[in-house]
Amino acid sequence: MNPMVKMPRTIKRYCPSCKKHQTVEVERVKKRRASELKRGQRQFRRVTAGYTGFPRPKPEGREKPTKRILLRYACSECGKKVQPAAQRAKKFELTE
């Protein structure tokens, strides 16, 4: 776990599609809006509907000290994108 991570926008990395090392472009994955049709969201909407309000107490304490950083690597040759498992860091920055 690194507290501060600085990463260039283009790096050399193994491309599983080309089966060799290529130059890849790094982009940070943004969290998208949760689908309203997922089972957990449907259950949450059903439980919170009406007059009773929130079904469980809000979690106490502070935020976690690190956030999960999701990166997507796009190959410059074939254009395929690879998104490996998340890493944790306090701060993350893409540099030139």
N, C-alpha and C. Protein backbone atom coordinates (compact mmCIF):
# COMPACT_ATOMS: atom_id res chain seq x y z
N MET A 1 0.84 -1.19 0.00
CA MET A 1 0.00 0.00 0.00
C MET A 1 0.88 1.24 0.00
N ASN A 2 0.80 2.02 -1.05
CA ASN A 2 1.57 3.25 -1.14
C ASN A 2 0.69 4.43 -0.76
N PRO A 3 1.25 5.40 -0.01
CA PRO A 3 0.43 6.56 0.33
C PRO A 3 0.17 7.47 -0.86
N MET A 4 1.19 7.68 -1.71
CA MET A 4 1.05 8.56 -2.86
C MET A 4 1.59 7.84 -4.09
N VAL A 5 0.79 7.72 -5.13
CA VAL A 5 1.21 7.04 -6.34
C VAL A 5 1.16 8.02 -7.50
N LYS A 6 2.29 8.19 -8.18
CA LYS A 6 2.35 9.00 -9.40
C LYS A 6 2.67 8.05 -10.54
N MET A 7 1.88 8.10 -11.60
CA MET A 7 2.06 7.18 -12.72
C MET A 7 1.99 7.95 -14.03
N PRO A 8 2.90 7.65 -14.98
CA PRO A 8 2.81 8.31 -16.29
C PRO A 8 1.60 7.82 -17.08
N ARG A 9 1.16 8.64 -18.03
CA ARG A 9 -0.03 8.29 -18.83
C ARG A 9 0.26 7.19 -19.84
N THR A 10 1.49 7.06 -20.26
CA THR A 10 1.86 5.98 -21.18
C THR A 10 3.02 5.19 -20.57
N ILE A 11 2.89 3.86 -20.57
CA ILE A 11 3.94 2.99 -20.05
C ILE A 11 4.07 1.78 -20.96
N LYS A 12 5.14 1.02 -20.78
CA LYS A 12 5.30 -0.24 -21.51
C LYS A 12 4.81 -1.35 -20.59
N ARG A 13 3.95 -2.21 -21.13
CA ARG A 13 3.32 -3.25 -20.33
C ARG A 13 2.98 -4.42 -21.24
N TYR A 14 2.84 -5.60 -20.66
CA TYR A 14 2.50 -6.79 -21.44
C TYR A 14 1.05 -6.72 -21.90
N CYS A 15 0.84 -6.93 -23.20
CA CYS A 15 -0.52 -6.97 -23.77
C CYS A 15 -0.88 -8.44 -24.01
N PRO A 16 -1.91 -8.97 -23.32
CA PRO A 16 -2.28 -10.37 -23.51
C PRO A 16 -2.84 -10.66 -24.90
N SER A 17 -3.35 -9.64 -25.59
CA SER A 17 -3.89 -9.84 -26.93
C SER A 17 -2.76 -9.97 -27.96
N CYS A 18 -1.76 -9.07 -27.87
CA CYS A 18 -0.61 -9.12 -28.78
C CYS A 18 0.41 -10.17 -28.34
N LYS A 19 0.34 -10.59 -27.10
CA LYS A 19 1.27 -11.56 -26.49
C LYS A 19 2.71 -11.05 -26.46
N LYS A 20 2.87 -9.74 -26.29
CA LYS A 20 4.20 -9.16 -26.10
C LYS A 20 4.05 -7.78 -25.45
N HIS A 21 5.18 -7.21 -25.03
CA HIS A 21 5.15 -5.91 -24.38
C HIS A 21 4.89 -4.82 -25.43
N GLN A 22 3.97 -3.92 -25.08
CA GLN A 22 3.62 -2.81 -25.96
C GLN A 22 3.51 -1.54 -25.12
N THR A 23 3.44 -0.41 -25.79
CA THR A 23 3.15 0.85 -25.11
C THR A 23 1.64 0.91 -24.87
N VAL A 24 1.25 1.19 -23.64
CA VAL A 24 -0.17 1.26 -23.30
C VAL A 24 -0.49 2.62 -22.70
N GLU A 25 -1.73 3.07 -22.92
CA GLU A 25 -2.20 4.30 -22.31
C GLU A 25 -2.95 3.96 -21.05
N VAL A 26 -2.66 4.69 -19.97
CA VAL A 26 -3.26 4.44 -18.67
C VAL A 26 -4.41 5.41 -18.46
N GLU A 27 -5.56 4.90 -18.04
CA GLU A 27 -6.67 5.78 -17.67
C GLU A 27 -7.29 5.28 -16.38
N ARG A 28 -7.74 6.21 -15.58
CA ARG A 28 -8.37 5.86 -14.31
C ARG A 28 -9.85 5.60 -14.55
N VAL A 29 -10.36 4.53 -13.98
CA VAL A 29 -11.76 4.15 -14.17
C VAL A 29 -12.61 4.91 -13.16
N LYS A 30 -13.64 5.59 -13.68
CA LYS A 30 -14.55 6.32 -12.80
C LYS A 30 -15.72 5.42 -12.43
N LYS A 31 -16.22 5.61 -11.23
CA LYS A 31 -17.35 4.82 -10.78
C LYS A 31 -18.60 5.27 -11.52
N ARG A 32 -19.33 4.32 -12.09
CA ARG A 32 -20.54 4.70 -12.79
C ARG A 32 -21.75 4.53 -11.88
N ARG A 33 -22.86 5.08 -12.31
CA ARG A 33 -24.08 5.04 -11.51
C ARG A 33 -24.57 3.61 -11.38
N ALA A 34 -25.00 3.22 -10.16
CA ALA A 34 -25.47 1.86 -9.92
C ALA A 34 -26.78 1.63 -10.66
N SER A 35 -26.96 0.43 -11.17
CA SER A 35 -28.17 0.08 -11.89
C SER A 35 -29.33 -0.09 -10.92
N GLU A 36 -30.47 0.44 -11.28
CA GLU A 36 -31.67 0.32 -10.44
C GLU A 36 -32.29 -1.07 -10.54
N LEU A 37 -31.86 -1.86 -11.53
CA LEU A 37 -32.48 -3.17 -11.74
C LEU A 37 -31.76 -4.30 -11.00
N LYS A 38 -30.63 -4.03 -10.36
CA LYS A 38 -29.90 -5.06 -9.63
C LYS A 38 -30.70 -5.49 -8.41
N ARG A 39 -30.51 -6.74 -8.00
CA ARG A 39 -31.30 -7.32 -6.90
C ARG A 39 -31.14 -6.52 -5.60
N GLY A 40 -29.90 -6.18 -5.25
CA GLY A 40 -29.64 -5.46 -4.01
C GLY A 40 -30.30 -4.08 -4.01
N GLN A 41 -30.28 -3.42 -5.16
CA GLN A 41 -30.89 -2.09 -5.24
C GLN A 41 -32.41 -2.18 -5.17
N ARG A 42 -32.98 -3.21 -5.80
CA ARG A 42 -34.44 -3.40 -5.73
C ARG A 42 -34.87 -3.66 -4.29
N GLN A 43 -34.10 -4.50 -3.59
CA GLN A 43 -34.41 -4.81 -2.19
C GLN A 43 -34.29 -3.56 -1.33
N PHE A 44 -33.25 -2.75 -1.56
CA PHE A 44 -33.05 -1.51 -0.81
C PHE A 44 -34.20 -0.54 -1.03
N ARG A 45 -34.63 -0.39 -2.27
CA ARG A 45 -35.76 0.50 -2.58
C ARG A 45 -37.05 0.02 -1.91
N ARG A 46 -37.26 -1.31 -1.90
CA ARG A 46 -38.47 -1.85 -1.28
C ARG A 46 -38.48 -1.62 0.23
N VAL A 47 -37.32 -1.82 0.86
CA VAL A 47 -37.24 -1.69 2.32
C VAL A 47 -37.35 -0.24 2.75
N THR A 48 -36.75 0.68 1.99
CA THR A 48 -36.77 2.09 2.38
C THR A 48 -38.04 2.82 1.94
N ALA A 49 -38.89 2.17 1.17
CA ALA A 49 -40.13 2.82 0.72
C ALA A 49 -41.09 2.97 1.89
N GLY A 50 -41.95 3.96 1.80
CA GLY A 50 -42.98 4.14 2.83
C GLY A 50 -42.52 5.09 3.92
N TYR A 51 -43.08 4.91 5.11
CA TYR A 51 -42.88 5.86 6.21
C TYR A 51 -41.78 5.45 7.18
N THR A 52 -41.31 4.21 7.12
CA THR A 52 -40.40 3.73 8.16
C THR A 52 -38.98 4.28 8.04
N GLY A 53 -38.55 4.63 6.84
CA GLY A 53 -37.23 5.23 6.70
C GLY A 53 -36.13 4.21 6.49
N PHE A 54 -34.93 4.59 6.91
CA PHE A 54 -33.74 3.78 6.62
C PHE A 54 -33.76 2.48 7.42
N PRO A 55 -33.44 1.32 6.79
CA PRO A 55 -33.61 0.03 7.46
C PRO A 55 -32.54 -0.30 8.49
N ARG A 56 -31.38 0.37 8.43
CA ARG A 56 -30.32 0.02 9.38
C ARG A 56 -29.57 1.30 9.76
N PRO A 57 -28.88 1.28 10.89
CA PRO A 57 -28.18 2.49 11.31
C PRO A 57 -27.01 2.82 10.39
N LYS A 58 -26.70 4.09 10.29
CA LYS A 58 -25.57 4.53 9.47
C LYS A 58 -24.29 4.05 10.13
N PRO A 59 -23.27 3.65 9.35
CA PRO A 59 -22.01 3.20 9.95
C PRO A 59 -21.30 4.35 10.65
N GLU A 60 -20.81 4.08 11.85
CA GLU A 60 -20.12 5.11 12.61
C GLU A 60 -18.64 5.09 12.28
N GLY A 61 -17.95 6.16 12.62
CA GLY A 61 -16.52 6.24 12.38
C GLY A 61 -16.22 7.12 11.18
N ARG A 62 -15.00 7.06 10.72
CA ARG A 62 -14.57 7.93 9.63
C ARG A 62 -14.38 7.13 8.35
N GLU A 63 -13.96 7.82 7.31
CA GLU A 63 -13.70 7.15 6.04
C GLU A 63 -12.47 6.27 6.15
N LYS A 64 -12.36 5.34 5.22
CA LYS A 64 -11.17 4.49 5.20
C LYS A 64 -9.96 5.34 4.81
N PRO A 65 -8.76 4.99 5.30
CA PRO A 65 -7.58 5.81 4.99
C PRO A 65 -7.13 5.71 3.54
N THR A 66 -7.47 4.62 2.84
CA THR A 66 -7.08 4.47 1.45
C THR A 66 -8.30 4.16 0.59
N LYS A 67 -8.18 4.49 -0.68
CA LYS A 67 -9.24 4.20 -1.64
C LYS A 67 -8.73 3.19 -2.66
N ARG A 68 -9.63 2.45 -3.27
CA ARG A 68 -9.25 1.52 -4.33
C ARG A 68 -9.05 2.28 -5.63
N ILE A 69 -7.93 2.05 -6.26
CA ILE A 69 -7.61 2.69 -7.53
C ILE A 69 -7.79 1.67 -8.64
N LEU A 70 -8.72 1.93 -9.56
CA LEU A 70 -8.94 1.05 -10.70
C LEU A 70 -8.33 1.71 -11.93
N LEU A 71 -7.45 0.96 -12.62
CA LEU A 71 -6.79 1.48 -13.81
C LEU A 71 -7.15 0.62 -15.01
N ARG A 72 -7.26 1.27 -16.18
CA ARG A 72 -7.52 0.56 -17.42
C ARG A 72 -6.38 0.88 -18.38
N TYR A 73 -5.80 -0.18 -18.95
CA TYR A 73 -4.67 -0.03 -19.86
C TYR A 73 -5.13 -0.32 -21.28
N ALA A 74 -4.94 0.64 -22.20
CA ALA A 74 -5.33 0.47 -23.61
C ALA A 74 -4.07 0.31 -24.44
N CYS A 75 -3.97 -0.80 -25.18
CA CYS A 75 -2.81 -1.09 -26.02
C CYS A 75 -2.79 -0.14 -27.21
N SER A 76 -1.59 0.37 -27.54
CA SER A 76 -1.47 1.30 -28.67
C SER A 76 -1.52 0.57 -30.01
N GLU A 77 -1.17 -0.72 -30.05
CA GLU A 77 -1.15 -1.47 -31.30
C GLU A 77 -2.53 -2.02 -31.66
N CYS A 78 -3.08 -2.86 -30.77
CA CYS A 78 -4.35 -3.52 -31.09
C CYS A 78 -5.57 -2.78 -30.55
N GLY A 79 -5.38 -1.88 -29.59
CA GLY A 79 -6.49 -1.11 -29.04
C GLY A 79 -7.27 -1.81 -27.94
N LYS A 80 -6.88 -3.05 -27.61
CA LYS A 80 -7.58 -3.79 -26.55
C LYS A 80 -7.32 -3.14 -25.21
N LYS A 81 -8.31 -3.20 -24.32
CA LYS A 81 -8.18 -2.63 -22.99
C LYS A 81 -8.17 -3.74 -21.95
N VAL A 82 -7.29 -3.60 -20.96
CA VAL A 82 -7.16 -4.57 -19.88
C VAL A 82 -7.36 -3.83 -18.57
N GLN A 83 -8.17 -4.40 -17.70
CA GLN A 83 -8.40 -3.79 -16.40
C GLN A 83 -8.09 -4.81 -15.31
N PRO A 84 -6.87 -4.77 -14.75
CA PRO A 84 -6.51 -5.73 -13.71
C PRO A 84 -7.15 -5.37 -12.37
N ALA A 85 -6.87 -6.17 -11.34
CA ALA A 85 -7.45 -5.97 -10.02
C ALA A 85 -7.03 -4.61 -9.45
N ALA A 86 -7.84 -4.09 -8.53
CA ALA A 86 -7.62 -2.77 -7.96
C ALA A 86 -6.44 -2.77 -7.00
N GLN A 87 -5.82 -1.59 -6.86
CA GLN A 87 -4.79 -1.37 -5.87
C GLN A 87 -5.31 -0.31 -4.91
N ARG A 88 -4.68 -0.22 -3.74
CA ARG A 88 -5.10 0.79 -2.77
C ARG A 88 -4.03 1.87 -2.64
N ALA A 89 -4.47 3.12 -2.52
CA ALA A 89 -3.56 4.23 -2.30
C ALA A 89 -4.32 5.39 -1.69
N LYS A 90 -3.60 6.21 -0.93
CA LYS A 90 -4.23 7.40 -0.35
C LYS A 90 -4.50 8.43 -1.44
N LYS A 91 -3.47 8.69 -2.27
CA LYS A 91 -3.61 9.65 -3.36
C LYS A 91 -3.07 9.02 -4.63
N PHE A 92 -3.68 9.36 -5.75
CA PHE A 92 -3.23 8.83 -7.04
C PHE A 92 -3.21 9.97 -8.05
N GLU A 93 -2.16 9.99 -8.88
CA GLU A 93 -2.01 11.06 -9.85
C GLU A 93 -1.43 10.51 -11.14
N LEU A 94 -2.03 10.88 -12.28
CA LEU A 94 -1.47 10.54 -13.59
C LEU A 94 -0.64 11.72 -14.07
N THR A 95 0.64 11.47 -14.35
CA THR A 95 1.54 12.54 -14.78
C THR A 95 1.81 12.42 -16.28
N GLU A 96 2.36 13.46 -16.84
CA GLU A 96 2.69 13.47 -18.28
C GLU A 96 3.98 12.78 -18.55
